[in-house]
Amino acid sequence: MATVFWENQRVILVDFLSRGDTVNSDSYIDTLKRLRARILRHAKRHNFLTLVVVVAVAVAVAVAVVVVVVVVVVVVVVVVVVVVVVVAMVVVLFVFGFFYVTYVLVVNGHDMLFL
């Protein structure tokens, strides 16, 4: 895997990860230290400070967090709506179940219709 850092005019650092290795905090910290050293070396060589914003990982993490938050909010809203509907149905059945009145149509002494 290759990690590439660049600015508008050139590539600053290309870091390769060996086959079978994974990115962990130690390897990423080492990569960021090499990136910082390259930026400082470039700034000294050209007598100016270069502002390089490393956004690839930060944006990916921010997007992932936003997606997770949105999914959690949607799930919570759906669960709340379902619970409210079920509670409303139980309340309606409970109330009308106890106050249900049977109407009987009596014709010529015979029960004809139950409502």
PDB file of N, CA and C in Angstrom:
ATOM      1  N   MET A   1       0.848  -1.162   0.000  1.00  0.00           N
ATOM      2  CA  MET A   1       0.000   0.000   0.000  1.00  0.00           C
ATOM      3  C   MET A   1       0.898   1.231   0.000  1.00  0.00           C
ATOM      4  N   ALA A   2       0.475   2.244  -0.715  1.00  0.00           N
ATOM      5  CA  ALA A   2       1.233   3.491  -0.770  1.00  0.00           C
ATOM      6  C   ALA A   2       0.408   4.611  -0.148  1.00  0.00           C
ATOM      7  N   THR A   3       1.072   5.423   0.654  1.00  0.00           N
ATOM      8  CA  THR A   3       0.468   6.632   1.200  1.00  0.00           C
ATOM      9  C   THR A   3       1.188   7.799   0.547  1.00  0.00           C
ATOM     10  N   VAL A   4       0.415   8.686  -0.080  1.00  0.00           N
ATOM     11  CA  VAL A   4       1.006   9.787  -0.841  1.00  0.00           C
ATOM     12  C   VAL A   4       0.526  11.107  -0.255  1.00  0.00           C
ATOM     13  N   PHE A   5       1.482  12.002   0.004  1.00  0.00           N
ATOM     14  CA  PHE A   5       1.181  13.355   0.450  1.00  0.00           C
ATOM     15  C   PHE A   5       1.693  14.303  -0.620  1.00  0.00           C
ATOM     16  N   TRP A   6       0.855  15.262  -1.020  1.00  0.00           N
ATOM     17  CA  TRP A   6       1.280  16.194  -2.059  1.00  0.00           C
ATOM     18  C   TRP A   6       0.687  17.561  -1.806  1.00  0.00           C
ATOM     19  N   GLU A   7       1.266  18.545  -2.476  1.00  0.00           N
ATOM     20  CA  GLU A   7       0.717  19.895  -2.478  1.00  0.00           C
ATOM     21  C   GLU A   7       0.415  20.261  -3.916  1.00  0.00           C
ATOM     22  N   ASN A   8       0.145  21.516  -4.177  1.00  0.00           N
ATOM     23  CA  ASN A   8      -0.297  21.891  -5.523  1.00  0.00           C
ATOM     24  C   ASN A   8       0.791  21.769  -6.589  1.00  0.00           C
ATOM     25  N   GLN A   9       2.076  21.748  -6.219  1.00  0.00           N
ATOM     26  CA  GLN A   9       3.138  21.734  -7.223  1.00  0.00           C
ATOM     27  C   GLN A   9       3.915  20.421  -7.297  1.00  0.00           C
ATOM     28  N   ARG A  10       3.885  19.627  -6.248  1.00  0.00           N
ATOM     29  CA  ARG A  10       4.734  18.440  -6.259  1.00  0.00           C
ATOM     30  C   ARG A  10       4.266  17.443  -5.209  1.00  0.00           C
ATOM     31  N   VAL A  11       4.803  16.245  -5.339  1.00  0.00           N
ATOM     32  CA  VAL A  11       4.587  15.211  -4.328  1.00  0.00           C
ATOM     33  C   VAL A  11       5.591  15.447  -3.210  1.00  0.00           C
ATOM     34  N   ILE A  12       5.128  15.438  -1.984  1.00  0.00           N
ATOM     35  CA  ILE A  12       6.006  15.683  -0.844  1.00  0.00           C
ATOM     36  C   ILE A  12       6.602  14.379  -0.319  1.00  0.00           C
ATOM     37  N   LEU A  13       5.765  13.356  -0.176  1.00  0.00           N
ATOM     38  CA  LEU A  13       6.241  12.106   0.401  1.00  0.00           C
ATOM     39  C   LEU A  13       5.406  10.951  -0.133  1.00  0.00           C
ATOM     40  N   VAL A  14       6.099   9.880  -0.484  1.00  0.00           N
ATOM     41  CA  VAL A  14       5.435   8.622  -0.832  1.00  0.00           C
ATOM     42  C   VAL A  14       5.963   7.582   0.144  1.00  0.00           C
ATOM     43  N   ASP A  15       5.060   6.966   0.871  1.00  0.00           N
ATOM     44  CA  ASP A  15       5.440   5.974   1.869  1.00  0.00           C
ATOM     45  C   ASP A  15       4.794   4.646   1.496  1.00  0.00           C
ATOM     46  N   PHE A  16       5.631   3.609   1.376  1.00  0.00           N
ATOM     47  CA  PHE A  16       5.132   2.290   0.995  1.00  0.00           C
ATOM     48  C   PHE A  16       5.062   1.395   2.220  1.00  0.00           C
ATOM     49  N   LEU A  17       3.993   0.629   2.309  1.00  0.00           N
ATOM     50  CA  LEU A  17       3.816  -0.339   3.382  1.00  0.00           C
ATOM     51  C   LEU A  17       4.098  -1.725   2.822  1.00  0.00           C
ATOM     52  N   SER A  18       4.886  -2.496   3.544  1.00  0.00           N
ATOM     53  CA  SER A  18       5.259  -3.838   3.075  1.00  0.00           C
ATOM     54  C   SER A  18       4.031  -4.737   2.974  1.00  0.00           C
ATOM     55  N   ARG A  19       4.134  -5.710   2.098  1.00  0.00           N
ATOM     56  CA  ARG A  19       3.034  -6.667   1.917  1.00  0.00           C
ATOM     57  C   ARG A  19       2.769  -7.395   3.236  1.00  0.00           C
ATOM     58  N   GLY A  20       1.510  -7.470   3.600  1.00  0.00           N
ATOM     59  CA  GLY A  20       1.128  -8.163   4.822  1.00  0.00           C
ATOM     60  C   GLY A  20       1.088  -7.273   6.052  1.00  0.00           C
ATOM     61  N   ASP A  21       1.698  -6.090   5.984  1.00  0.00           N
ATOM     62  CA  ASP A  21       1.665  -5.167   7.117  1.00  0.00           C
ATOM     63  C   ASP A  21       0.361  -4.381   7.100  1.00  0.00           C
ATOM     64  N   THR A  22      -0.021  -3.879   8.262  1.00  0.00           N
ATOM     65  CA  THR A  22      -1.209  -3.042   8.369  1.00  0.00           C
ATOM     66  C   THR A  22      -0.822  -1.692   8.937  1.00  0.00           C
ATOM     67  N   VAL A  23      -1.648  -0.704   8.658  1.00  0.00           N
ATOM     68  CA  VAL A  23      -1.408   0.627   9.203  1.00  0.00           C
ATOM     69  C   VAL A  23      -1.862   0.613  10.658  1.00  0.00           C
ATOM     70  N   ASN A  24      -0.929   0.923  11.538  1.00  0.00           N
ATOM     71  CA  ASN A  24      -1.279   1.069  12.944  1.00  0.00           C
ATOM     72  C   ASN A  24      -0.783   2.430  13.406  1.00  0.00           C
ATOM     73  N   SER A  25      -0.991   2.743  14.658  1.00  0.00           N
ATOM     74  CA  SER A  25      -0.633   4.077  15.134  1.00  0.00           C
ATOM     75  C   SER A  25       0.866   4.333  15.031  1.00  0.00           C
ATOM     76  N   ASP A  26       1.689   3.346  15.328  1.00  0.00           N
ATOM     77  CA  ASP A  26       3.143   3.548  15.275  1.00  0.00           C
ATOM     78  C   ASP A  26       3.629   3.822  13.852  1.00  0.00           C
ATOM     79  N   SER A  27       3.148   3.026  12.895  1.00  0.00           N
ATOM     80  CA  SER A  27       3.595   3.239  11.510  1.00  0.00           C
ATOM     81  C   SER A  27       3.082   4.567  10.971  1.00  0.00           C
ATOM     82  N   TYR A  28       1.869   4.952  11.353  1.00  0.00           N
ATOM     83  CA  TYR A  28       1.332   6.221  10.864  1.00  0.00           C
ATOM     84  C   TYR A  28       2.057   7.405  11.496  1.00  0.00           C
ATOM     85  N   ILE A  29       2.417   7.297  12.771  1.00  0.00           N
ATOM     86  CA  ILE A  29       3.196   8.358  13.422  1.00  0.00           C
ATOM     87  C   ILE A  29       4.551   8.502  12.744  1.00  0.00           C
ATOM     88  N   ASP A  30       5.207   7.389  12.418  1.00  0.00           N
ATOM     89  CA  ASP A  30       6.489   7.451  11.700  1.00  0.00           C
ATOM     90  C   ASP A  30       6.327   8.133  10.343  1.00  0.00           C
ATOM     91  N   THR A  31       5.256   7.809   9.636  1.00  0.00           N
ATOM     92  CA  THR A  31       5.001   8.447   8.339  1.00  0.00           C
ATOM     93  C   THR A  31       4.810   9.949   8.509  1.00  0.00           C
ATOM     94  N   LEU A  32       4.035  10.354   9.515  1.00  0.00           N
ATOM     95  CA  LEU A  32       3.809  11.787   9.740  1.00  0.00           C
ATOM     96  C   LEU A  32       5.091  12.500  10.169  1.00  0.00           C
ATOM     97  N   LYS A  33       5.963  11.814  10.910  1.00  0.00           N
ATOM     98  CA  LYS A  33       7.251  12.422  11.280  1.00  0.00           C
ATOM     99  C   LYS A  33       8.118  12.636  10.039  1.00  0.00           C
ATOM    100  N   ARG A  34       8.142  11.636   9.130  1.00  0.00           N
ATOM    101  CA  ARG A  34       8.898  11.807   7.887  1.00  0.00           C
ATOM    102  C   ARG A  34       8.303  12.937   7.044  1.00  0.00           C
ATOM    103  N   LEU A  35       6.989  13.047   7.036  1.00  0.00           N
ATOM    104  CA  LEU A  35       6.332  14.127   6.299  1.00  0.00           C
ATOM    105  C   LEU A  35       6.720  15.488   6.877  1.00  0.00           C
ATOM    106  N   ARG A  36       6.717  15.604   8.186  1.00  0.00           N
ATOM    107  CA  ARG A  36       7.093  16.868   8.831  1.00  0.00           C
ATOM    108  C   ARG A  36       8.540  17.235   8.497  1.00  0.00           C
ATOM    109  N   ALA A  37       9.434  16.243   8.547  1.00  0.00           N
ATOM    110  CA  ALA A  37      10.840  16.501   8.224  1.00  0.00           C
ATOM    111  C   ALA A  37      10.988  16.975   6.780  1.00  0.00           C
ATOM    112  N   ARG A  38      10.258  16.364   5.860  1.00  0.00           N
ATOM    113  CA  ARG A  38      10.320  16.787   4.454  1.00  0.00           C
ATOM    114  C   ARG A  38       9.815  18.215   4.291  1.00  0.00           C
ATOM    115  N   ILE A  39       8.738  18.548   4.975  1.00  0.00           N
ATOM    116  CA  ILE A  39       8.180  19.907   4.864  1.00  0.00           C
ATOM    117  C   ILE A  39       9.168  20.924   5.411  1.00  0.00           C
ATOM    118  N   LEU A  40       9.761  20.640   6.562  1.00  0.00           N
ATOM    119  CA  LEU A  40      10.726  21.575   7.144  1.00  0.00           C
ATOM    120  C   LEU A  40      11.965  21.706   6.269  1.00  0.00           C
ATOM    121  N   ARG A  41      12.438  20.600   5.697  1.00  0.00           N
ATOM    122  CA  ARG A  41      13.587  20.649   4.795  1.00  0.00           C
ATOM    123  C   ARG A  41      13.268  21.516   3.572  1.00  0.00           C
ATOM    124  N   HIS A  42      12.094  21.354   3.025  1.00  0.00           N
ATOM    125  CA  HIS A  42      11.671  22.140   1.863  1.00  0.00           C
ATOM    126  C   HIS A  42      11.565  23.625   2.231  1.00  0.00           C
ATOM    127  N   ALA A  43      11.014  23.924   3.405  1.00  0.00           N
ATOM    128  CA  ALA A  43      10.861  25.313   3.829  1.00  0.00           C
ATOM    129  C   ALA A  43      12.221  25.968   4.049  1.00  0.00           C
ATOM    130  N   LYS A  44      13.181  25.239   4.633  1.00  0.00           N
ATOM    131  CA  LYS A  44      14.520  25.796   4.833  1.00  0.00           C
ATOM    132  C   LYS A  44      15.211  26.053   3.501  1.00  0.00           C
ATOM    133  N   ARG A  45      15.064  25.113   2.589  1.00  0.00           N
ATOM    134  CA  ARG A  45      15.737  25.229   1.298  1.00  0.00           C
ATOM    135  C   ARG A  45      15.239  26.445   0.518  1.00  0.00           C
ATOM    136  N   HIS A  46      13.969  26.747   0.629  1.00  0.00           N
ATOM    137  CA  HIS A  46      13.398  27.842  -0.156  1.00  0.00           C
ATOM    138  C   HIS A  46      13.149  29.096   0.675  1.00  0.00           C
ATOM    139  N   ASN A  47      13.580  29.096   1.926  1.00  0.00           N
ATOM    140  CA  ASN A  47      13.469  30.249   2.815  1.00  0.00           C
ATOM    141  C   ASN A  47      12.032  30.736   2.999  1.00  0.00           C
ATOM    142  N   PHE A  48      11.126  29.853   3.058  1.00  0.00           N
ATOM    143  CA  PHE A  48       9.745  30.226   3.385  1.00  0.00           C
ATOM    144  C   PHE A  48       9.069  29.029   4.038  1.00  0.00           C
ATOM    145  N   LEU A  49       7.998  29.319   4.693  1.00  0.00           N
ATOM    146  CA  LEU A  49       7.238  28.251   5.333  1.00  0.00           C
ATOM    147  C   LEU A  49       6.110  27.834   4.405  1.00  0.00           C
ATOM    148  N   THR A  50       5.969  26.562   4.255  1.00  0.00           N
ATOM    149  CA  THR A  50       4.910  26.021   3.417  1.00  0.00           C
ATOM    150  C   THR A  50       3.833  25.447   4.324  1.00  0.00           C
ATOM    151  N   LEU A  51       2.632  25.825   4.040  1.00  0.00           N
ATOM    152  CA  LEU A  51       1.523  25.276   4.803  1.00  0.00           C
ATOM    153  C   LEU A  51       0.975  24.081   4.045  1.00  0.00           C
ATOM    154  N   VAL A  52       1.112  22.940   4.642  1.00  0.00           N
ATOM    155  CA  VAL A  52       0.592  21.717   4.037  1.00  0.00           C
ATOM    156  C   VAL A  52      -0.456  21.162   4.986  1.00  0.00           C
ATOM    157  N   VAL A  53      -1.584  20.977   4.463  1.00  0.00           N
ATOM    158  CA  VAL A  53      -2.668  20.442   5.275  1.00  0.00           C
ATOM    159  C   VAL A  53      -2.872  18.990   4.879  1.00  0.00           C
ATOM    160  N   VAL A  54      -2.718  18.138   5.821  1.00  0.00           N
ATOM    161  CA  VAL A  54      -2.931  16.725   5.566  1.00  0.00           C
ATOM    162  C   VAL A  54      -4.403  16.456   5.839  1.00  0.00           C
ATOM    163  N   VAL A  55      -5.151  16.353   4.745  1.00  0.00           N
ATOM    164  CA  VAL A  55      -6.590  16.232   4.898  1.00  0.00           C
ATOM    165  C   VAL A  55      -7.132  14.862   4.516  1.00  0.00           C
ATOM    166  N   ALA A  56      -6.348  14.051   3.857  1.00  0.00           N
ATOM    167  CA  ALA A  56      -6.885  12.788   3.349  1.00  0.00           C
ATOM    168  C   ALA A  56      -7.463  11.943   4.467  1.00  0.00           C
ATOM    169  N   VAL A  57      -6.696  11.728   5.511  1.00  0.00           N
ATOM    170  CA  VAL A  57      -7.165  10.885   6.604  1.00  0.00           C
ATOM    171  C   VAL A  57      -8.172  11.636   7.457  1.00  0.00           C
ATOM    172  N   ALA A  58      -7.924  12.921   7.710  1.00  0.00           N
ATOM    173  CA  ALA A  58      -8.833  13.694   8.550  1.00  0.00           C
ATOM    174  C   ALA A  58     -10.222  13.767   7.928  1.00  0.00           C
ATOM    175  N   VAL A  59     -10.287  13.991   6.625  1.00  0.00           N
ATOM    176  CA  VAL A  59     -11.579  14.067   5.951  1.00  0.00           C
ATOM    177  C   VAL A  59     -12.256  12.707   5.956  1.00  0.00           C
ATOM    178  N   ALA A  60     -11.497  11.656   5.723  1.00  0.00           N
ATOM    179  CA  ALA A  60     -12.084  10.315   5.727  1.00  0.00           C
ATOM    180  C   ALA A  60     -12.657   9.980   7.097  1.00  0.00           C
ATOM    181  N   VAL A  61     -11.939  10.329   8.145  1.00  0.00           N
ATOM    182  CA  VAL A  61     -12.428  10.065   9.497  1.00  0.00           C
ATOM    183  C   VAL A  61     -13.663  10.910   9.782  1.00  0.00           C
ATOM    184  N   ALA A  62     -13.630  12.187   9.378  1.00  0.00           N
ATOM    185  CA  ALA A  62     -14.779  13.059   9.605  1.00  0.00           C
ATOM    186  C   ALA A  62     -16.008  12.558   8.862  1.00  0.00           C
ATOM    187  N   VAL A  63     -15.826  12.138   7.623  1.00  0.00           N
ATOM    188  CA  VAL A  63     -16.949  11.616   6.844  1.00  0.00           C
ATOM    189  C   VAL A  63     -17.489  10.345   7.485  1.00  0.00           C
ATOM    190  N   ALA A  64     -16.594   9.482   7.932  1.00  0.00           N
ATOM    191  CA  ALA A  64     -17.038   8.244   8.582  1.00  0.00           C
ATOM    192  C   ALA A  64     -17.825   8.549   9.853  1.00  0.00           C
ATOM    193  N   VAL A  65     -17.356   9.520  10.626  1.00  0.00           N
ATOM    194  CA  VAL A  65     -18.060   9.895  11.856  1.00  0.00           C
ATOM    195  C   VAL A  65     -19.435  10.459  11.526  1.00  0.00           C
ATOM    196  N   VAL A  66     -19.503  11.321  10.512  1.00  0.00           N
ATOM    197  CA  VAL A  66     -20.790  11.902  10.118  1.00  0.00           C
ATOM    198  C   VAL A  66     -21.742  10.811   9.647  1.00  0.00           C
ATOM    199  N   VAL A  67     -21.253   9.881   8.853  1.00  0.00           N
ATOM    200  CA  VAL A  67     -22.103   8.787   8.363  1.00  0.00           C
ATOM    201  C   VAL A  67     -22.618   7.955   9.531  1.00  0.00           C
ATOM    202  N   VAL A  68     -21.743   7.633  10.473  1.00  0.00           N
ATOM    203  CA  VAL A  68     -22.164   6.845  11.631  1.00  0.00           C
ATOM    204  C   VAL A  68     -23.205   7.605  12.445  1.00  0.00           C
ATOM    205  N   VAL A  69     -22.983   8.897  12.657  1.00  0.00           N
ATOM    206  CA  VAL A  69     -23.940   9.704  13.420  1.00  0.00           C
ATOM    207  C   VAL A  69     -25.286   9.754  12.706  1.00  0.00           C
ATOM    208  N   VAL A  70     -25.276   9.955  11.389  1.00  0.00           N
ATOM    209  CA  VAL A  70     -26.525  10.009  10.629  1.00  0.00           C
ATOM    210  C   VAL A  70     -27.254   8.675  10.706  1.00  0.00           C
ATOM    211  N   VAL A  71     -26.533   7.587  10.549  1.00  0.00           N
ATOM    212  CA  VAL A  71     -27.163   6.260  10.625  1.00  0.00           C
ATOM    213  C   VAL A  71     -27.756   6.032  12.010  1.00  0.00           C
ATOM    214  N   VAL A  72     -27.022   6.391  13.054  1.00  0.00           N
ATOM    215  CA  VAL A  72     -27.527   6.217  14.418  1.00  0.00           C
ATOM    216  C   VAL A  72     -28.774   7.068  14.636  1.00  0.00           C
ATOM    217  N   VAL A  73     -28.756   8.313  14.165  1.00  0.00           N
ATOM    218  CA  VAL A  73     -29.920   9.191  14.320  1.00  0.00           C
ATOM    219  C   VAL A  73     -31.123   8.617  13.582  1.00  0.00           C
ATOM    220  N   VAL A  74     -30.922   8.145  12.362  1.00  0.00           N
ATOM    221  CA  VAL A  74     -32.026   7.566  11.589  1.00  0.00           C
ATOM    222  C   VAL A  74     -32.583   6.339  12.300  1.00  0.00           C
ATOM    223  N   VAL A  75     -31.709   5.477  12.791  1.00  0.00           N
ATOM    224  CA  VAL A  75     -32.168   4.279  13.500  1.00  0.00           C
ATOM    225  C   VAL A  75     -32.944   4.665  14.755  1.00  0.00           C
ATOM    226  N   VAL A  76     -32.442   5.633  15.503  1.00  0.00           N
ATOM    227  CA  VAL A  76     -33.130   6.073  16.720  1.00  0.00           C
ATOM    228  C   VAL A  76     -34.498   6.654  16.378  1.00  0.00           C
ATOM    229  N   VAL A  77     -34.571   7.477  15.332  1.00  0.00           N
ATOM    230  CA  VAL A  77     -35.853   8.062  14.928  1.00  0.00           C
ATOM    231  C   VAL A  77     -36.833   6.970  14.523  1.00  0.00           C
ATOM    232  N   VAL A  78     -36.377   6.003  13.744  1.00  0.00           N
ATOM    233  CA  VAL A  78     -37.259   4.907  13.322  1.00  0.00           C
ATOM    234  C   VAL A  78     -37.741   4.119  14.535  1.00  0.00           C
ATOM    235  N   VAL A  79     -36.847   3.819  15.461  1.00  0.00           N
ATOM    236  CA  VAL A  79     -37.235   3.074  16.664  1.00  0.00           C
ATOM    237  C   VAL A  79     -38.241   3.874  17.484  1.00  0.00           C
ATOM    238  N   VAL A  80     -38.010   5.174  17.641  1.00  0.00           N
ATOM    239  CA  VAL A  80     -38.938   6.015  18.404  1.00  0.00           C
ATOM    240  C   VAL A  80     -40.303   6.044  17.733  1.00  0.00           C
ATOM    241  N   VAL A  81     -40.337   6.195  16.413  1.00  0.00           N
ATOM    242  CA  VAL A  81     -41.614   6.218  15.692  1.00  0.00           C
ATOM    243  C   VAL A  81     -42.340   4.889  15.864  1.00  0.00           C
ATOM    244  N   VAL A  82     -41.631   3.788  15.728  1.00  0.00           N
ATOM    245  CA  VAL A  82     -42.259   2.469  15.895  1.00  0.00           C
ATOM    246  C   VAL A  82     -42.793   2.309  17.316  1.00  0.00           C
ATOM    247  N   VAL A  83     -42.021   2.714  18.306  1.00  0.00           N
ATOM    248  CA  VAL A  83     -42.469   2.606  19.697  1.00  0.00           C
ATOM    249  C   VAL A  83     -43.700   3.474  19.932  1.00  0.00           C
ATOM    250  N   VAL A  84     -43.709   4.694  19.406  1.00  0.00           N
ATOM    251  CA  VAL A  84     -44.860   5.585  19.575  1.00  0.00           C
ATOM    252  C   VAL A  84     -46.099   4.986  18.921  1.00  0.00           C
ATOM    253  N   VAL A  85     -45.951   4.437  17.724  1.00  0.00           N
ATOM    254  CA  VAL A  85     -47.094   3.828  17.034  1.00  0.00           C
ATOM    255  C   VAL A  85     -47.608   2.624  17.810  1.00  0.00           C
ATOM    256  N   VAL A  86     -46.715   1.775  18.280  1.00  0.00           N
ATOM    257  CA  VAL A  86     -47.136   0.592  19.042  1.00  0.00           C
ATOM    258  C   VAL A  86     -47.821   1.004  20.338  1.00  0.00           C
ATOM    259  N   VAL A  87     -47.257   1.977  21.043  1.00  0.00           N
ATOM    260  CA  VAL A  87     -47.875   2.448  22.288  1.00  0.00           C
ATOM    261  C   VAL A  87     -49.245   3.047  21.999  1.00  0.00           C
ATOM    262  N   ALA A  88     -49.355   3.829  20.924  1.00  0.00           N
ATOM    263  CA  ALA A  88     -50.655   4.408  20.564  1.00  0.00           C
ATOM    264  C   ALA A  88     -51.668   3.316  20.249  1.00  0.00           C
ATOM    265  N   MET A  89     -51.241   2.283  19.531  1.00  0.00           N
ATOM    266  CA  MET A  89     -52.152   1.181  19.216  1.00  0.00           C
ATOM    267  C   MET A  89     -52.582   0.456  20.483  1.00  0.00           C
ATOM    268  N   VAL A  90     -51.652   0.216  21.390  1.00  0.00           N
ATOM    269  CA  VAL A  90     -51.988  -0.459  22.644  1.00  0.00           C
ATOM    270  C   VAL A  90     -52.956   0.387  23.454  1.00  0.00           C
ATOM    271  N   VAL A  91     -52.711   1.698  23.508  1.00  0.00           N
ATOM    272  CA  VAL A  91     -53.613   2.590  24.248  1.00  0.00           C
ATOM    273  C   VAL A  91     -54.999   2.579  23.625  1.00  0.00           C
ATOM    274  N   VAL A  92     -55.071   2.680  22.304  1.00  0.00           N
ATOM    275  CA  VAL A  92     -56.371   2.673  21.623  1.00  0.00           C
ATOM    276  C   VAL A  92     -57.085   1.354  21.881  1.00  0.00           C
ATOM    277  N   LEU A  93     -56.384   0.239  21.746  1.00  0.00           N
ATOM    278  CA  LEU A  93     -57.017  -1.057  21.996  1.00  0.00           C
ATOM    279  C   LEU A  93     -57.437  -1.202  23.452  1.00  0.00           C
ATOM    280  N   PHE A  94     -56.607  -0.711  24.358  1.00  0.00           N
ATOM    281  CA  PHE A  94     -56.926  -0.788  25.780  1.00  0.00           C
ATOM    282  C   PHE A  94     -58.169   0.035  26.096  1.00  0.00           C
ATOM    283  N   VAL A  95     -58.189   1.290  25.625  1.00  0.00           N
ATOM    284  CA  VAL A  95     -59.313   2.184  25.913  1.00  0.00           C
ATOM    285  C   VAL A  95     -60.584   1.672  25.261  1.00  0.00           C
ATOM    286  N   PHE A  96     -60.528   1.390  23.974  1.00  0.00           N
ATOM    287  CA  PHE A  96     -61.736   0.968  23.279  1.00  0.00           C
ATOM    288  C   PHE A  96     -62.099  -0.476  23.605  1.00  0.00           C
ATOM    289  N   GLY A  97     -61.177  -1.246  24.060  1.00  0.00           N
ATOM    290  CA  GLY A  97     -61.484  -2.616  24.456  1.00  0.00           C
ATOM    291  C   GLY A  97     -62.363  -2.661  25.694  1.00  0.00           C
ATOM    292  N   PHE A  98     -62.134  -1.743  26.622  1.00  0.00           N
ATOM    293  CA  PHE A  98     -62.937  -1.714  27.835  1.00  0.00           C
ATOM    294  C   PHE A  98     -64.250  -0.971  27.650  1.00  0.00           C
ATOM    295  N   PHE A  99     -64.308  -0.090  26.676  1.00  0.00           N
ATOM    296  CA  PHE A  99     -65.526   0.689  26.477  1.00  0.00           C
ATOM    297  C   PHE A  99     -66.281   0.259  25.229  1.00  0.00           C
ATOM    298  N   TYR A 100     -65.977  -0.917  24.743  1.00  0.00           N
ATOM    299  CA  TYR A 100     -66.655  -1.408  23.543  1.00  0.00           C
ATOM    300  C   TYR A 100     -68.084  -1.795  23.913  1.00  0.00           C
ATOM    301  N   VAL A 101     -69.023  -1.242  23.164  1.00  0.00           N
ATOM    302  CA  VAL A 101     -70.441  -1.501  23.424  1.00  0.00           C
ATOM    303  C   VAL A 101     -70.982  -2.348  22.289  1.00  0.00           C
ATOM    304  N   THR A 102     -71.684  -3.390  22.627  1.00  0.00           N
ATOM    305  CA  THR A 102     -72.291  -4.249  21.619  1.00  0.00           C
ATOM    306  C   THR A 102     -73.715  -3.769  21.367  1.00  0.00           C
ATOM    307  N   TYR A 103     -73.955  -3.450  20.118  1.00  0.00           N
ATOM    308  CA  TYR A 103     -75.302  -3.053  19.727  1.00  0.00           C
ATOM    309  C   TYR A 103     -75.984  -4.254  19.098  1.00  0.00           C
ATOM    310  N   VAL A 104     -77.190  -4.505  19.512  1.00  0.00           N
ATOM    311  CA  VAL A 104     -77.939  -5.646  18.996  1.00  0.00           C
ATOM    312  C   VAL A 104     -79.221  -5.126  18.356  1.00  0.00           C
ATOM    313  N   LEU A 105     -79.417  -5.502  17.121  1.00  0.00           N
ATOM    314  CA  LEU A 105     -80.643  -5.140  16.421  1.00  0.00           C
ATOM    315  C   LEU A 105     -81.658  -6.257  16.668  1.00  0.00           C
ATOM    316  N   VAL A 106     -82.723  -5.882  17.283  1.00  0.00           N
ATOM    317  CA  VAL A 106     -83.752  -6.868  17.614  1.00  0.00           C
ATOM    318  C   VAL A 106     -84.942  -6.647  16.688  1.00  0.00           C
ATOM    319  N   VAL A 107     -85.273  -7.684  15.941  1.00  0.00           N
ATOM    320  CA  VAL A 107     -86.416  -7.614  15.034  1.00  0.00           C
ATOM    321  C   VAL A 107     -87.373  -8.748  15.406  1.00  0.00           C
ATOM    322  N   ASN A 108     -88.584  -8.361  15.736  1.00  0.00           N
ATOM    323  CA  ASN A 108     -89.625  -9.328  16.094  1.00  0.00           C
ATOM    324  C   ASN A 108     -89.156 -10.305  17.174  1.00  0.00           C
ATOM    325  N   GLY A 109     -88.433  -9.771  18.139  1.00  0.00           N
ATOM    326  CA  GLY A 109     -88.013 -10.602  19.244  1.00  0.00           C
ATOM    327  C   GLY A 109     -86.789 -11.459  18.982  1.00  0.00           C
ATOM    328  N   HIS A 110     -86.192 -11.338  17.807  1.00  0.00           N
ATOM    329  CA  HIS A 110     -85.004 -12.131  17.475  1.00  0.00           C
ATOM    330  C   HIS A 110     -83.785 -11.213  17.303  1.00  0.00           C
ATOM    331  N   ASP A 111     -82.635 -11.647  17.813  1.00  0.00           N
ATOM    332  CA  ASP A 111     -81.395 -10.880  17.631  1.00  0.00           C
ATOM    333  C   ASP A 111     -80.943 -11.047  16.191  1.00  0.00           C
ATOM    334  N   MET A 112     -80.778  -9.921  15.471  1.00  0.00           N
ATOM    335  CA  MET A 112     -80.464  -9.992  14.054  1.00  0.00           C
ATOM    336  C   MET A 112     -79.019  -9.580  13.726  1.00  0.00           C
ATOM    337  N   LEU A 113     -78.519  -8.570  14.431  1.00  0.00           N
ATOM    338  CA  LEU A 113     -77.238  -8.007  14.025  1.00  0.00           C
ATOM    339  C   LEU A 113     -76.459  -7.595  15.262  1.00  0.00           C
ATOM    340  N   PHE A 114     -75.226  -7.995  15.314  1.00  0.00           N
ATOM    341  CA  PHE A 114     -74.345  -7.591  16.405  1.00  0.00           C
ATOM    342  C   PHE A 114     -73.300  -6.618  15.853  1.00  0.00           C
ATOM    343  N   LEU A 115     -73.153  -5.512  16.499  1.00  0.00           N
ATOM    344  CA  LEU A 115     -72.137  -4.539  16.085  1.00  0.00           C
ATOM    345  C   LEU A 115     -71.184  -4.285  17.222  1.00  0.00           C
TER     346      LEU A 115
END
